Amino acid sequence: MDTSRLAPVYLLGIVLNTGALVYAVSIGEYLFASAFVFVIFYLMFRYRML
């Protein structure tokens, strides 16, 4: 895949994981929230490497 098609996939992943992070924090599941934080940082790192 080239970068013009891959960038929106990373951005969509970041947005969806941010929503899941907000939901996990709102119900008090901090262990799941920390997993979403790691995934968001990984996706941001991969997006920056494009």
C-alpha atoms as a PDB file:
ATOM      1  CA  MET A   1       0.000   0.000   0.000  1.00  0.00           C
ATOM      2  CA  ASP A   2       1.215   3.460  -0.720  1.00  0.00           C
ATOM      3  CA  THR A   3       1.188   6.238   1.855  1.00  0.00           C
ATOM      4  CA  SER A   4      -1.754   8.126   0.366  1.00  0.00           C
ATOM      5  CA  ARG A   5      -3.988   5.112   1.027  1.00  0.00           C
ATOM      6  CA  LEU A   6      -2.415   4.122   4.331  1.00  0.00           C
ATOM      7  CA  ALA A   7      -2.559   7.492   6.125  1.00  0.00           C
ATOM      8  CA  PRO A   8      -6.383   7.581   6.452  1.00  0.00           C
ATOM      9  CA  VAL A   9      -6.331   4.076   7.930  1.00  0.00           C
ATOM     10  CA  TYR A  10      -3.961   5.204  10.677  1.00  0.00           C
ATOM     11  CA  LEU A  11      -6.038   8.324  11.323  1.00  0.00           C
ATOM     12  CA  LEU A  12      -9.227   6.277  11.547  1.00  0.00           C
ATOM     13  CA  GLY A  13      -7.524   3.918  13.989  1.00  0.00           C
ATOM     14  CA  ILE A  14      -6.417   6.839  16.143  1.00  0.00           C
ATOM     15  CA  VAL A  15      -9.936   8.309  16.190  1.00  0.00           C
ATOM     16  CA  LEU A  16     -11.611   4.996  17.019  1.00  0.00           C
ATOM     17  CA  ASN A  17      -9.112   4.196  19.765  1.00  0.00           C
ATOM     18  CA  THR A  18      -9.539   7.667  21.235  1.00  0.00           C
ATOM     19  CA  GLY A  19     -13.283   7.071  21.423  1.00  0.00           C
ATOM     20  CA  ALA A  20     -12.700   3.710  23.071  1.00  0.00           C
ATOM     21  CA  LEU A  21     -10.261   5.350  25.508  1.00  0.00           C
ATOM     22  CA  VAL A  22     -12.826   7.971  26.514  1.00  0.00           C
ATOM     23  CA  TYR A  23     -15.472   5.284  26.999  1.00  0.00           C
ATOM     24  CA  ALA A  24     -13.144   3.065  29.048  1.00  0.00           C
ATOM     25  CA  VAL A  25     -12.189   5.957  31.329  1.00  0.00           C
ATOM     26  CA  SER A  26     -15.824   7.019  31.720  1.00  0.00           C
ATOM     27  CA  ILE A  27     -16.825   3.586  33.034  1.00  0.00           C
ATOM     28  CA  GLY A  28     -13.740   3.320  35.234  1.00  0.00           C
ATOM     29  CA  GLU A  29     -11.839   0.586  33.360  1.00  0.00           C
ATOM     30  CA  TYR A  30      -8.344   2.007  33.667  1.00  0.00           C
ATOM     31  CA  LEU A  31      -6.548  -1.195  32.667  1.00  0.00           C
ATOM     32  CA  PHE A  32      -8.318  -1.230  29.296  1.00  0.00           C
ATOM     33  CA  ALA A  33      -7.741   2.513  28.991  1.00  0.00           C
ATOM     34  CA  SER A  34      -3.997   2.046  29.357  1.00  0.00           C
ATOM     35  CA  ALA A  35      -4.058  -0.520  26.531  1.00  0.00           C
ATOM     36  CA  PHE A  36      -5.831   1.986  24.286  1.00  0.00           C
ATOM     37  CA  VAL A  37      -3.216   4.612  25.158  1.00  0.00           C
ATOM     38  CA  PHE A  38      -0.442   2.270  24.017  1.00  0.00           C
ATOM     39  CA  VAL A  39      -2.265   1.544  20.765  1.00  0.00           C
ATOM     40  CA  ILE A  40      -2.841   5.249  20.121  1.00  0.00           C
ATOM     41  CA  PHE A  41       0.839   6.033  20.665  1.00  0.00           C
ATOM     42  CA  TYR A  42       1.842   3.186  18.361  1.00  0.00           C
ATOM     43  CA  LEU A  43      -0.505   4.387  15.616  1.00  0.00           C
ATOM     44  CA  MET A  44       0.719   7.962  16.000  1.00  0.00           C
ATOM     45  CA  PHE A  45       4.311   6.751  15.726  1.00  0.00           C
ATOM     46  CA  ARG A  46       3.521   4.740  12.592  1.00  0.00           C
ATOM     47  CA  TYR A  47       1.627   7.697  11.102  1.00  0.00           C
ATOM     48  CA  ARG A  48       4.590  10.002  11.713  1.00  0.00           C
ATOM     49  CA  MET A  49       6.894   7.492  10.001  1.00  0.00           C
ATOM     50  CA  LEU A  50       4.929   7.823   6.753  1.00  0.00           C
END
